[in-house]
Amino acid sequence: MKERLIDRFLPEYQFSNTHRMTIYASAEKVYNSILELDLGKSLLIRILFRLRGMPRSALSFKELENTGFSVLGEQPGSELLLGIAGQFWKLKSNMQKVDSTNFISFHKPGNAKAVWNFYLSEAGGNGTVLSTQTRIYCTDPTSTRRFRYYWFVIAPFSGWIRREMLRLIKAASENKT
């Protein structure tokens, strides 16, 4: 079994959230739908992103990098991994510059780092199982405590966004947009 990028970049974490959906399309088509994802097609995502103060440009999947996310790795047709670091529990988030070269070694006290992947696996027949997992690692006990309160409030909304993304990808992949 091939090592998953998410396991390489963040094998240990204190918080996580996973969602999955079966999509009746090839892995290649699903992967391309991920890359072309337009989050602006969802009223729910637009509202939740706006409440978080994210710019309109963040509604394009390709533009997420302007909000602090970095592509940490990619295995086309199999997995796409994004990463981010900062103080997510603060309104300004105090984003830290991380990328594939320094994400693993980033341990600045008072921060958290997170990974978010899209992982594709065969569902049999003409199906693909698309899962998305978010993992968060807090760098010290204080940031863990602060993040825990934040996560208690934000986790349901984060889950809604992930499920809505899966729905959008499924619709695009199955040509139901």
Protein backbone atom coordinates (compact mmCIF):
# COMPACT_ATOMS: atom_id res chain seq x y z
CA MET A 1 0.00 0.00 0.00
CA LYS A 2 1.33 3.42 -1.01
CA GLU A 3 2.05 5.84 1.85
CA ARG A 4 -0.56 8.57 2.04
CA LEU A 5 0.71 12.14 1.97
CA ILE A 6 -1.38 13.07 5.01
CA ASP A 7 0.39 10.37 7.03
CA ARG A 8 3.80 11.62 5.94
CA PHE A 9 3.15 15.30 6.72
CA LEU A 10 1.07 15.00 9.92
CA PRO A 11 1.10 11.50 11.42
CA GLU A 12 0.40 12.78 14.96
CA TYR A 13 -2.48 15.12 15.71
CA GLN A 14 -4.91 16.01 18.47
CA PHE A 15 -8.00 16.83 16.37
CA SER A 16 -9.43 15.43 13.16
CA ASN A 17 -12.51 15.36 11.00
CA THR A 18 -13.22 12.96 8.11
CA HIS A 19 -15.96 12.82 5.49
CA ARG A 20 -16.40 10.56 2.46
CA MET A 21 -18.68 10.05 -0.49
CA THR A 22 -18.97 7.58 -3.34
CA ILE A 23 -18.90 9.25 -6.74
CA TYR A 24 -19.88 7.40 -9.90
CA ALA A 25 -17.04 8.59 -12.09
CA SER A 26 -13.42 7.68 -12.72
CA ALA A 27 -10.74 8.76 -10.27
CA GLU A 28 -9.23 10.94 -13.00
CA LYS A 29 -12.50 12.79 -13.54
CA VAL A 30 -13.04 13.21 -9.79
CA TYR A 31 -9.49 14.51 -9.33
CA ASN A 32 -9.95 17.05 -12.12
CA SER A 33 -13.22 18.16 -10.50
CA ILE A 34 -11.31 18.78 -7.25
CA LEU A 35 -8.77 20.96 -9.06
CA GLU A 36 -11.53 22.93 -10.82
CA LEU A 37 -13.72 23.24 -7.74
CA ASP A 38 -15.61 26.52 -7.49
CA LEU A 39 -16.72 26.95 -3.89
CA GLY A 40 -18.80 29.94 -4.93
CA LYS A 41 -21.45 27.58 -6.30
CA SER A 42 -22.51 26.89 -2.74
CA LEU A 43 -24.46 29.53 -0.84
CA LEU A 44 -23.57 27.78 2.42
CA ILE A 45 -19.83 27.97 1.74
CA ARG A 46 -20.07 31.60 0.60
CA ILE A 47 -21.85 32.54 3.83
CA LEU A 48 -19.50 30.58 6.13
CA PHE A 49 -16.37 31.89 4.40
CA ARG A 50 -17.73 35.44 4.59
CA LEU A 51 -18.42 35.07 8.32
CA ARG A 52 -14.79 34.00 8.77
CA GLY A 53 -13.65 37.10 6.88
CA MET A 54 -12.16 35.21 3.97
CA PRO A 55 -11.84 37.12 0.68
CA ARG A 56 -14.14 36.39 -2.24
CA SER A 57 -11.18 35.07 -4.20
CA ALA A 58 -10.92 32.18 -1.70
CA LEU A 59 -14.05 30.75 -3.32
CA SER A 60 -11.89 29.37 -6.10
CA PHE A 61 -10.06 26.24 -5.02
CA LYS A 62 -6.94 27.45 -6.79
CA GLU A 63 -7.06 30.72 -4.85
CA LEU A 64 -7.05 29.11 -1.39
CA GLU A 65 -3.29 29.64 -1.32
CA ASN A 66 -3.97 33.37 -0.94
CA THR A 67 -5.60 32.63 2.44
CA GLY A 68 -2.56 30.83 3.87
CA PHE A 69 -3.00 27.31 2.51
CA SER A 70 -0.08 25.67 0.69
CA VAL A 71 -0.14 22.60 -1.50
CA LEU A 72 2.11 20.24 0.45
CA GLY A 73 1.93 17.38 -1.99
CA GLU A 74 0.05 15.85 -4.82
CA GLN A 75 -0.35 12.36 -6.20
CA PRO A 76 -2.50 13.04 -9.28
CA GLY A 77 -5.56 10.84 -9.38
CA SER A 78 -4.96 9.69 -5.81
CA GLU A 79 -4.36 12.44 -3.23
CA LEU A 80 -4.05 16.19 -2.87
CA LEU A 81 -2.76 17.62 0.41
CA LEU A 82 -3.02 21.20 1.66
CA GLY A 83 -1.41 22.63 4.78
CA ILE A 84 -1.71 25.74 6.90
CA ALA A 85 -0.32 27.00 10.21
CA GLY A 86 -1.24 29.78 12.57
CA GLN A 87 -3.43 30.71 15.48
CA PHE A 88 -6.78 29.68 14.01
CA TRP A 89 -8.66 30.60 17.19
CA LYS A 90 -7.84 34.30 16.64
CA LEU A 91 -9.82 36.49 14.24
CA LYS A 92 -6.66 37.43 12.28
CA SER A 93 -5.26 33.86 12.65
CA ASN A 94 -1.63 35.10 12.55
CA MET A 95 -0.85 32.79 9.61
CA GLN A 96 2.66 31.39 9.43
CA LYS A 97 4.49 30.73 6.17
CA VAL A 98 4.60 26.98 5.65
CA ASP A 99 5.14 24.89 2.56
CA SER A 100 6.25 21.39 1.65
CA THR A 101 9.84 22.12 2.73
CA ASN A 102 9.16 23.37 6.28
CA PHE A 103 5.72 22.09 7.29
CA ILE A 104 6.93 18.93 9.05
CA SER A 105 9.55 20.80 11.08
CA PHE A 106 7.24 23.71 12.00
CA HIS A 107 6.73 23.67 15.79
CA LYS A 108 6.58 27.37 16.72
CA PRO A 109 5.03 27.59 20.22
CA GLY A 110 1.55 29.09 20.45
CA ASN A 111 0.47 27.84 17.03
CA ALA A 112 -1.28 24.96 15.38
CA LYS A 113 -0.72 23.38 12.03
CA ALA A 114 -3.34 21.64 9.97
CA VAL A 115 -3.49 19.43 6.93
CA TRP A 116 -6.47 18.85 4.71
CA ASN A 117 -6.53 16.19 2.05
CA PHE A 118 -8.65 14.80 -0.71
CA TYR A 119 -8.02 11.08 -1.06
CA LEU A 120 -9.42 8.92 -3.85
CA SER A 121 -9.82 5.15 -3.80
CA GLU A 122 -11.58 2.67 -6.03
CA ALA A 123 -15.19 1.87 -5.15
CA GLY A 124 -15.62 -0.91 -7.70
CA GLY A 125 -17.29 -0.66 -11.06
CA ASN A 126 -17.27 2.92 -12.21
CA GLY A 127 -17.09 4.40 -8.74
CA THR A 128 -14.56 6.35 -6.75
CA VAL A 129 -14.63 6.92 -3.02
CA LEU A 130 -13.56 10.48 -2.27
CA SER A 131 -12.66 11.24 1.31
CA THR A 132 -11.47 14.43 2.87
CA GLN A 133 -9.71 14.53 6.20
CA THR A 134 -8.59 17.46 8.30
CA ARG A 135 -5.95 16.93 10.99
CA ILE A 136 -4.74 19.51 13.47
CA TYR A 137 -1.60 19.42 15.60
CA CYS A 138 -1.13 22.06 18.30
CA THR A 139 2.46 22.87 19.16
CA ASP A 140 2.08 23.22 22.94
CA PRO A 141 -0.46 22.75 25.77
CA THR A 142 -1.64 26.37 25.64
CA SER A 143 -2.39 26.27 21.93
CA THR A 144 -4.07 22.87 22.40
CA ARG A 145 -6.36 24.32 25.04
CA ARG A 146 -7.19 27.39 22.94
CA PHE A 147 -7.78 25.33 19.83
CA ARG A 148 -10.02 22.90 21.73
CA TYR A 149 -12.47 25.74 22.54
CA TYR A 150 -12.31 27.01 18.96
CA TRP A 151 -12.84 23.50 17.56
CA PHE A 152 -15.86 22.93 19.79
CA VAL A 153 -17.55 25.88 18.08
CA ILE A 154 -16.14 25.60 14.55
CA ALA A 155 -16.08 21.82 13.94
CA PRO A 156 -19.75 21.54 12.90
CA PHE A 157 -19.31 24.38 10.39
CA SER A 158 -16.05 22.88 9.11
CA GLY A 159 -17.91 19.60 8.61
CA TRP A 160 -20.69 21.35 6.68
CA ILE A 161 -18.12 22.93 4.39
CA ARG A 162 -16.37 19.59 3.75
CA ARG A 163 -19.67 17.79 3.03
CA GLU A 164 -20.75 20.62 0.73
CA MET A 165 -17.40 20.40 -1.11
CA LEU A 166 -17.90 16.67 -1.59
CA ARG A 167 -21.40 17.34 -2.93
CA LEU A 168 -20.05 19.92 -5.42
CA ILE A 169 -17.28 17.58 -6.57
CA LYS A 170 -19.77 14.73 -6.98
CA ALA A 171 -22.11 16.91 -9.05
CA ALA A 172 -19.27 18.12 -11.28
CA SER A 173 -17.80 14.62 -11.68
CA GLU A 174 -21.15 13.06 -12.50
CA ASN A 175 -22.01 16.05 -14.73
CA LYS A 176 -24.92 17.14 -12.56
CA THR A 177 -23.94 20.81 -12.30
